[in-house]
Amino acid sequence: MADPRDKVTETVPGKYYVDTQCIDCDVCRVTAPANFQREEDKGYSYVFRQPAGPDEEAQCQEAMDCCPVEAIGDNGVS
């Protein structure tokens, strides 16, 4: 389970976040490309934009559900 106290620094404030367990598998970036990006130098994903609307919310939820190491959380704070 993702830990909001351990989220990567690039993640923007809000509900969704990525923590340091990320293994750079690409699942979230494929599932929710409007919300997740890769940190090229460090090799992990992060939330660069919180979901705007129900479609993006559903994509972020799917990305979280499919994350193989449970590095995505939805209990972040603004």
PDB file of N, CA and C in Angstrom:
ATOM      1  N   MET A   1       0.836  -1.182   0.000  1.00  0.00           N
ATOM      2  CA  MET A   1       0.000   0.000   0.000  1.00  0.00           C
ATOM      3  C   MET A   1       0.882   1.248   0.000  1.00  0.00           C
ATOM      4  N   ALA A   2       0.540   2.195  -0.846  1.00  0.00           N
ATOM      5  CA  ALA A   2       1.313   3.428  -0.956  1.00  0.00           C
ATOM      6  C   ALA A   2       1.236   4.242   0.337  1.00  0.00           C
ATOM      7  N   ASP A   3       2.327   4.928   0.611  1.00  0.00           N
ATOM      8  CA  ASP A   3       2.436   5.717   1.843  1.00  0.00           C
ATOM      9  C   ASP A   3       2.562   7.197   1.490  1.00  0.00           C
ATOM     10  N   PRO A   4       1.581   8.031   1.872  1.00  0.00           N
ATOM     11  CA  PRO A   4       1.652   9.455   1.519  1.00  0.00           C
ATOM     12  C   PRO A   4       2.850  10.167   2.151  1.00  0.00           C
ATOM     13  N   ARG A   5       3.417   9.605   3.194  1.00  0.00           N
ATOM     14  CA  ARG A   5       4.609  10.212   3.810  1.00  0.00           C
ATOM     15  C   ARG A   5       5.875   9.907   3.017  1.00  0.00           C
ATOM     16  N   ASP A   6       5.762   8.998   2.039  1.00  0.00           N
ATOM     17  CA  ASP A   6       6.914   8.556   1.255  1.00  0.00           C
ATOM     18  C   ASP A   6       6.740   8.866  -0.229  1.00  0.00           C
ATOM     19  N   LYS A   7       5.878   9.836  -0.554  1.00  0.00           N
ATOM     20  CA  LYS A   7       5.633  10.117  -1.970  1.00  0.00           C
ATOM     21  C   LYS A   7       6.833  10.807  -2.612  1.00  0.00           C
ATOM     22  N   VAL A   8       6.976  10.580  -3.912  1.00  0.00           N
ATOM     23  CA  VAL A   8       8.076  11.201  -4.648  1.00  0.00           C
ATOM     24  C   VAL A   8       7.833  12.703  -4.726  1.00  0.00           C
ATOM     25  N   THR A   9       8.898  13.463  -4.725  1.00  0.00           N
ATOM     26  CA  THR A   9       8.791  14.917  -4.614  1.00  0.00           C
ATOM     27  C   THR A   9       8.128  15.588  -5.816  1.00  0.00           C
ATOM     28  N   GLU A  10       8.179  14.965  -6.976  1.00  0.00           N
ATOM     29  CA  GLU A  10       7.598  15.572  -8.180  1.00  0.00           C
ATOM     30  C   GLU A  10       6.075  15.534  -8.197  1.00  0.00           C
ATOM     31  N   THR A  11       5.475  14.673  -7.412  1.00  0.00           N
ATOM     32  CA  THR A  11       4.020  14.546  -7.400  1.00  0.00           C
ATOM     33  C   THR A  11       3.369  15.853  -6.959  1.00  0.00           C
ATOM     34  N   VAL A  12       2.385  16.307  -7.744  1.00  0.00           N
ATOM     35  CA  VAL A  12       1.658  17.528  -7.385  1.00  0.00           C
ATOM     36  C   VAL A  12       0.701  17.232  -6.233  1.00  0.00           C
ATOM     37  N   PRO A  13       0.373  18.229  -5.428  1.00  0.00           N
ATOM     38  CA  PRO A  13      -0.552  18.012  -4.308  1.00  0.00           C
ATOM     39  C   PRO A  13      -1.930  17.564  -4.791  1.00  0.00           C
ATOM     40  N   GLY A  14      -2.553  16.734  -4.001  1.00  0.00           N
ATOM     41  CA  GLY A  14      -3.899  16.272  -4.311  1.00  0.00           C
ATOM     42  C   GLY A  14      -4.127  14.843  -3.883  1.00  0.00           C
ATOM     43  N   LYS A  15      -5.221  14.283  -4.326  1.00  0.00           N
ATOM     44  CA  LYS A  15      -5.670  12.961  -3.913  1.00  0.00           C
ATOM     45  C   LYS A  15      -4.686  11.859  -4.309  1.00  0.00           C
ATOM     46  N   TYR A  16      -4.254  11.839  -5.560  1.00  0.00           N
ATOM     47  CA  TYR A  16      -3.394  10.764  -6.056  1.00  0.00           C
ATOM     48  C   TYR A  16      -1.923  11.129  -5.923  1.00  0.00           C
ATOM     49  N   TYR A  17      -1.101  10.125  -5.674  1.00  0.00           N
ATOM     50  CA  TYR A  17       0.339  10.313  -5.550  1.00  0.00           C
ATOM     51  C   TYR A  17       1.040   8.994  -5.849  1.00  0.00           C
ATOM     52  N   VAL A  18       2.343   9.077  -6.066  1.00  0.00           N
ATOM     53  CA  VAL A  18       3.198   7.909  -6.250  1.00  0.00           C
ATOM     54  C   VAL A  18       4.250   7.957  -5.153  1.00  0.00           C
ATOM     55  N   ASP A  19       4.508   6.802  -4.537  1.00  0.00           N
ATOM     56  CA  ASP A  19       5.553   6.781  -3.517  1.00  0.00           C
ATOM     57  C   ASP A  19       6.826   6.130  -4.061  1.00  0.00           C
ATOM     58  N   THR A  20       7.831   6.039  -3.237  1.00  0.00           N
ATOM     59  CA  THR A  20       9.155   5.599  -3.680  1.00  0.00           C
ATOM     60  C   THR A  20       9.248   4.108  -4.000  1.00  0.00           C
ATOM     61  N   GLN A  21       8.163   3.366  -3.852  1.00  0.00           N
ATOM     62  CA  GLN A  21       8.161   1.951  -4.245  1.00  0.00           C
ATOM     63  C   GLN A  21       8.087   1.773  -5.763  1.00  0.00           C
ATOM     64  N   CYS A  22       7.797   2.833  -6.512  1.00  0.00           N
ATOM     65  CA  CYS A  22       7.606   2.750  -7.959  1.00  0.00           C
ATOM     66  C   CYS A  22       8.803   2.072  -8.631  1.00  0.00           C
ATOM     67  N   ILE A  23       8.495   1.117  -9.519  1.00  0.00           N
ATOM     68  CA  ILE A  23       9.538   0.388 -10.251  1.00  0.00           C
ATOM     69  C   ILE A  23       9.606   0.801 -11.723  1.00  0.00           C
ATOM     70  N   ASP A  24       8.917   1.880 -12.092  1.00  0.00           N
ATOM     71  CA  ASP A  24       8.963   2.412 -13.450  1.00  0.00           C
ATOM     72  C   ASP A  24       8.449   1.412 -14.483  1.00  0.00           C
ATOM     73  N   CYS A  25       7.345   0.738 -14.171  1.00  0.00           N
ATOM     74  CA  CYS A  25       6.816  -0.298 -15.069  1.00  0.00           C
ATOM     75  C   CYS A  25       6.018   0.267 -16.242  1.00  0.00           C
ATOM     76  N   ASP A  26       5.586   1.509 -16.185  1.00  0.00           N
ATOM     77  CA  ASP A  26       4.859   2.182 -17.259  1.00  0.00           C
ATOM     78  C   ASP A  26       3.343   1.981 -17.223  1.00  0.00           C
ATOM     79  N   VAL A  27       2.821   1.163 -16.335  1.00  0.00           N
ATOM     80  CA  VAL A  27       1.380   0.893 -16.303  1.00  0.00           C
ATOM     81  C   VAL A  27       0.572   2.173 -16.109  1.00  0.00           C
ATOM     82  N   CYS A  28       0.946   2.996 -15.142  1.00  0.00           N
ATOM     83  CA  CYS A  28       0.160   4.204 -14.878  1.00  0.00           C
ATOM     84  C   CYS A  28       0.237   5.197 -16.034  1.00  0.00           C
ATOM     85  N   ARG A  29       1.398   5.297 -16.658  1.00  0.00           N
ATOM     86  CA  ARG A  29       1.551   6.251 -17.766  1.00  0.00           C
ATOM     87  C   ARG A  29       0.750   5.830 -18.992  1.00  0.00           C
ATOM     88  N   VAL A  30       0.562   4.537 -19.181  1.00  0.00           N
ATOM     89  CA  VAL A  30      -0.252   4.036 -20.285  1.00  0.00           C
ATOM     90  C   VAL A  30      -1.735   4.157 -19.942  1.00  0.00           C
ATOM     91  N   THR A  31      -2.081   3.847 -18.706  1.00  0.00           N
ATOM     92  CA  THR A  31      -3.477   3.852 -18.271  1.00  0.00           C
ATOM     93  C   THR A  31      -4.044   5.256 -18.097  1.00  0.00           C
ATOM     94  N   ALA A  32      -3.251   6.164 -17.558  1.00  0.00           N
ATOM     95  CA  ALA A  32      -3.708   7.538 -17.289  1.00  0.00           C
ATOM     96  C   ALA A  32      -2.643   8.539 -17.759  1.00  0.00           C
ATOM     97  N   PRO A  33      -2.428   8.626 -19.070  1.00  0.00           N
ATOM     98  CA  PRO A  33      -1.349   9.481 -19.586  1.00  0.00           C
ATOM     99  C   PRO A  33      -1.543  10.971 -19.329  1.00  0.00           C
ATOM    100  N   ALA A  34      -2.755  11.401 -19.065  1.00  0.00           N
ATOM    101  CA  ALA A  34      -3.000  12.822 -18.788  1.00  0.00           C
ATOM    102  C   ALA A  34      -2.600  13.192 -17.361  1.00  0.00           C
ATOM    103  N   ASN A  35      -2.246  12.180 -16.555  1.00  0.00           N
ATOM    104  CA  ASN A  35      -1.983  12.435 -15.143  1.00  0.00           C
ATOM    105  C   ASN A  35      -0.626  11.957 -14.632  1.00  0.00           C
ATOM    106  N   PHE A  36      -0.040  10.977 -15.307  1.00  0.00           N
ATOM    107  CA  PHE A  36       1.240  10.424 -14.856  1.00  0.00           C
ATOM    108  C   PHE A  36       2.332  10.666 -15.894  1.00  0.00           C
ATOM    109  N   GLN A  37       3.518  10.992 -15.414  1.00  0.00           N
ATOM    110  CA  GLN A  37       4.695  11.160 -16.267  1.00  0.00           C
ATOM    111  C   GLN A  37       5.857  10.405 -15.646  1.00  0.00           C
ATOM    112  N   ARG A  38       6.906  10.242 -16.456  1.00  0.00           N
ATOM    113  CA  ARG A  38       8.120   9.581 -15.988  1.00  0.00           C
ATOM    114  C   ARG A  38       9.156  10.626 -15.609  1.00  0.00           C
ATOM    115  N   GLU A  39       9.796  10.423 -14.487  1.00  0.00           N
ATOM    116  CA  GLU A  39      10.949  11.241 -14.097  1.00  0.00           C
ATOM    117  C   GLU A  39      12.140  10.562 -14.767  1.00  0.00           C
ATOM    118  N   GLU A  40      12.589  11.137 -15.855  1.00  0.00           N
ATOM    119  CA  GLU A  40      13.587  10.499 -16.723  1.00  0.00           C
ATOM    120  C   GLU A  40      14.909  10.197 -16.020  1.00  0.00           C
ATOM    121  N   ASP A  41      15.420  11.131 -15.256  1.00  0.00           N
ATOM    122  CA  ASP A  41      16.731  10.939 -14.632  1.00  0.00           C
ATOM    123  C   ASP A  41      16.712   9.908 -13.509  1.00  0.00           C
ATOM    124  N   LYS A  42      15.611   9.842 -12.779  1.00  0.00           N
ATOM    125  CA  LYS A  42      15.549   8.953 -11.616  1.00  0.00           C
ATOM    126  C   LYS A  42      14.798   7.659 -11.890  1.00  0.00           C
ATOM    127  N   GLY A  43      14.066   7.593 -13.013  1.00  0.00           N
ATOM    128  CA  GLY A  43      13.421   6.359 -13.427  1.00  0.00           C
ATOM    129  C   GLY A  43      12.232   5.925 -12.594  1.00  0.00           C
ATOM    130  N   TYR A  44      11.269   6.812 -12.400  1.00  0.00           N
ATOM    131  CA  TYR A  44      10.010   6.446 -11.750  1.00  0.00           C
ATOM    132  C   TYR A  44       8.918   7.370 -12.253  1.00  0.00           C
ATOM    133  N   SER A  45       7.685   6.990 -11.982  1.00  0.00           N
ATOM    134  CA  SER A  45       6.537   7.797 -12.386  1.00  0.00           C
ATOM    135  C   SER A  45       6.109   8.711 -11.252  1.00  0.00           C
ATOM    136  N   TYR A  46       5.348   9.729 -11.621  1.00  0.00           N
ATOM    137  CA  TYR A  46       4.775  10.646 -10.640  1.00  0.00           C
ATOM    138  C   TYR A  46       3.509  11.261 -11.210  1.00  0.00           C
ATOM    139  N   VAL A  47       2.676  11.801 -10.342  1.00  0.00           N
ATOM    140  CA  VAL A  47       1.458  12.482 -10.767  1.00  0.00           C
ATOM    141  C   VAL A  47       1.839  13.926 -11.087  1.00  0.00           C
ATOM    142  N   PHE A  48       1.721  14.290 -12.352  1.00  0.00           N
ATOM    143  CA  PHE A  48       2.047  15.664 -12.742  1.00  0.00           C
ATOM    144  C   PHE A  48       0.803  16.529 -12.816  1.00  0.00           C
ATOM    145  N   ARG A  49      -0.377  15.880 -12.831  1.00  0.00           N
ATOM    146  CA  ARG A  49      -1.634  16.609 -12.876  1.00  0.00           C
ATOM    147  C   ARG A  49      -2.713  15.737 -12.242  1.00  0.00           C
ATOM    148  N   GLN A  50      -3.422  16.282 -11.277  1.00  0.00           N
ATOM    149  CA  GLN A  50      -4.513  15.549 -10.644  1.00  0.00           C
ATOM    150  C   GLN A  50      -5.669  15.418 -11.642  1.00  0.00           C
ATOM    151  N   PRO A  51      -6.499  14.393 -11.507  1.00  0.00           N
ATOM    152  CA  PRO A  51      -7.573  14.187 -12.478  1.00  0.00           C
ATOM    153  C   PRO A  51      -8.557  15.348 -12.541  1.00  0.00           C
ATOM    154  N   ALA A  52      -8.958  15.638 -13.766  1.00  0.00           N
ATOM    155  CA  ALA A  52      -9.956  16.684 -14.030  1.00  0.00           C
ATOM    156  C   ALA A  52     -11.153  16.012 -14.688  1.00  0.00           C
ATOM    157  N   GLY A  53     -12.112  15.661 -13.900  1.00  0.00           N
ATOM    158  CA  GLY A  53     -13.317  15.047 -14.442  1.00  0.00           C
ATOM    159  C   GLY A  53     -13.382  13.551 -14.193  1.00  0.00           C
ATOM    160  N   PRO A  54     -14.564  12.991 -14.421  1.00  0.00           N
ATOM    161  CA  PRO A  54     -14.800  11.578 -14.104  1.00  0.00           C
ATOM    162  C   PRO A  54     -13.981  10.594 -14.943  1.00  0.00           C
ATOM    163  N   ASP A  55     -13.703  10.910 -16.192  1.00  0.00           N
ATOM    164  CA  ASP A  55     -12.918   9.998 -17.032  1.00  0.00           C
ATOM    165  C   ASP A  55     -11.492   9.866 -16.515  1.00  0.00           C
ATOM    166  N   GLU A  56     -10.864  10.991 -16.215  1.00  0.00           N
ATOM    167  CA  GLU A  56      -9.500  10.948 -15.687  1.00  0.00           C
ATOM    168  C   GLU A  56      -9.469  10.328 -14.297  1.00  0.00           C
ATOM    169  N   GLU A  57     -10.496  10.582 -13.511  1.00  0.00           N
ATOM    170  CA  GLU A  57     -10.595   9.964 -12.176  1.00  0.00           C
ATOM    171  C   GLU A  57     -10.626   8.443 -12.318  1.00  0.00           C
ATOM    172  N   ALA A  58     -11.428   7.954 -13.248  1.00  0.00           N
ATOM    173  CA  ALA A  58     -11.528   6.506 -13.476  1.00  0.00           C
ATOM    174  C   ALA A  58     -10.198   5.937 -13.962  1.00  0.00           C
ATOM    175  N   GLN A  59      -9.496   6.670 -14.810  1.00  0.00           N
ATOM    176  CA  GLN A  59      -8.195   6.207 -15.304  1.00  0.00           C
ATOM    177  C   GLN A  59      -7.166   6.160 -14.181  1.00  0.00           C
ATOM    178  N   CYS A  60      -7.168   7.149 -13.321  1.00  0.00           N
ATOM    179  CA  CYS A  60      -6.241   7.149 -12.182  1.00  0.00           C
ATOM    180  C   CYS A  60      -6.559   6.005 -11.226  1.00  0.00           C
ATOM    181  N   GLN A  61      -7.831   5.758 -11.012  1.00  0.00           N
ATOM    182  CA  GLN A  61      -8.229   4.644 -10.150  1.00  0.00           C
ATOM    183  C   GLN A  61      -7.774   3.318 -10.759  1.00  0.00           C
ATOM    184  N   GLU A  62      -7.941   3.175 -12.063  1.00  0.00           N
ATOM    185  CA  GLU A  62      -7.500   1.950 -12.744  1.00  0.00           C
ATOM    186  C   GLU A  62      -5.982   1.794 -12.642  1.00  0.00           C
ATOM    187  N   ALA A  63      -5.253   2.900 -12.830  1.00  0.00           N
ATOM    188  CA  ALA A  63      -3.796   2.847 -12.702  1.00  0.00           C
ATOM    189  C   ALA A  63      -3.401   2.396 -11.306  1.00  0.00           C
ATOM    190  N   MET A  64      -4.074   2.920 -10.297  1.00  0.00           N
ATOM    191  CA  MET A  64      -3.785   2.533  -8.919  1.00  0.00           C
ATOM    192  C   MET A  64      -4.088   1.049  -8.703  1.00  0.00           C
ATOM    193  N   ASP A  65      -5.223   0.589  -9.207  1.00  0.00           N
ATOM    194  CA  ASP A  65      -5.613  -0.808  -9.043  1.00  0.00           C
ATOM    195  C   ASP A  65      -4.659  -1.770  -9.766  1.00  0.00           C
ATOM    196  N   CYS A  66      -4.068  -1.316 -10.860  1.00  0.00           N
ATOM    197  CA  CYS A  66      -3.202  -2.178 -11.669  1.00  0.00           C
ATOM    198  C   CYS A  66      -1.718  -2.082 -11.297  1.00  0.00           C
ATOM    199  N   CYS A  67      -1.351  -1.162 -10.452  1.00  0.00           N
ATOM    200  CA  CYS A  67       0.049  -0.980 -10.090  1.00  0.00           C
ATOM    201  C   CYS A  67       0.587  -2.266  -9.438  1.00  0.00           C
ATOM    202  N   PRO A  68       1.620  -2.883 -10.022  1.00  0.00           N
ATOM    203  CA  PRO A  68       2.089  -4.166  -9.498  1.00  0.00           C
ATOM    204  C   PRO A  68       2.764  -4.096  -8.129  1.00  0.00           C
ATOM    205  N   VAL A  69       3.196  -2.920  -7.711  1.00  0.00           N
ATOM    206  CA  VAL A  69       3.857  -2.791  -6.401  1.00  0.00           C
ATOM    207  C   VAL A  69       3.085  -1.879  -5.446  1.00  0.00           C
ATOM    208  N   GLU A  70       1.862  -1.519  -5.823  1.00  0.00           N
ATOM    209  CA  GLU A  70       0.997  -0.667  -5.004  1.00  0.00           C
ATOM    210  C   GLU A  70       1.680   0.641  -4.611  1.00  0.00           C
ATOM    211  N   ALA A  71       2.347   1.261  -5.586  1.00  0.00           N
ATOM    212  CA  ALA A  71       3.053   2.521  -5.340  1.00  0.00           C
ATOM    213  C   ALA A  71       2.171   3.742  -5.544  1.00  0.00           C
ATOM    214  N   ILE A  72       0.941   3.568  -5.994  1.00  0.00           N
ATOM    215  CA  ILE A  72       0.025   4.686  -6.222  1.00  0.00           C
ATOM    216  C   ILE A  72      -0.999   4.698  -5.100  1.00  0.00           C
ATOM    217  N   GLY A  73      -1.204   5.868  -4.525  1.00  0.00           N
ATOM    218  CA  GLY A  73      -2.185   6.019  -3.458  1.00  0.00           C
ATOM    219  C   GLY A  73      -3.232   7.043  -3.819  1.00  0.00           C
ATOM    220  N   ASP A  74      -4.360   6.987  -3.130  1.00  0.00           N
ATOM    221  CA  ASP A  74      -5.436   7.955  -3.372  1.00  0.00           C
ATOM    222  C   ASP A  74      -5.876   8.631  -2.078  1.00  0.00           C
ATOM    223  N   ASN A  75      -4.986   8.655  -1.116  1.00  0.00           N
ATOM    224  CA  ASN A  75      -5.311   9.311   0.158  1.00  0.00           C
ATOM    225  C   ASN A  75      -4.369  10.467   0.437  1.00  0.00           C
ATOM    226  N   GLY A  76      -3.893  11.102  -0.631  1.00  0.00           N
ATOM    227  CA  GLY A  76      -3.032  12.266  -0.466  1.00  0.00           C
ATOM    228  C   GLY A  76      -3.837  13.476  -0.074  1.00  0.00           C
ATOM    229  N   VAL A  77      -3.133  14.528   0.265  1.00  0.00           N
ATOM    230  CA  VAL A  77      -3.794  15.767   0.667  1.00  0.00           C
ATOM    231  C   VAL A  77      -3.354  16.908  -0.237  1.00  0.00           C
ATOM    232  N   SER A  78      -4.180  17.894  -0.307  1.00  0.00           N
ATOM    233  CA  SER A  78      -3.862  19.061  -1.142  1.00  0.00           C
ATOM    234  C   SER A  78      -2.765  19.893  -0.526  1.00  0.00           C
TER     235      SER A  78
END
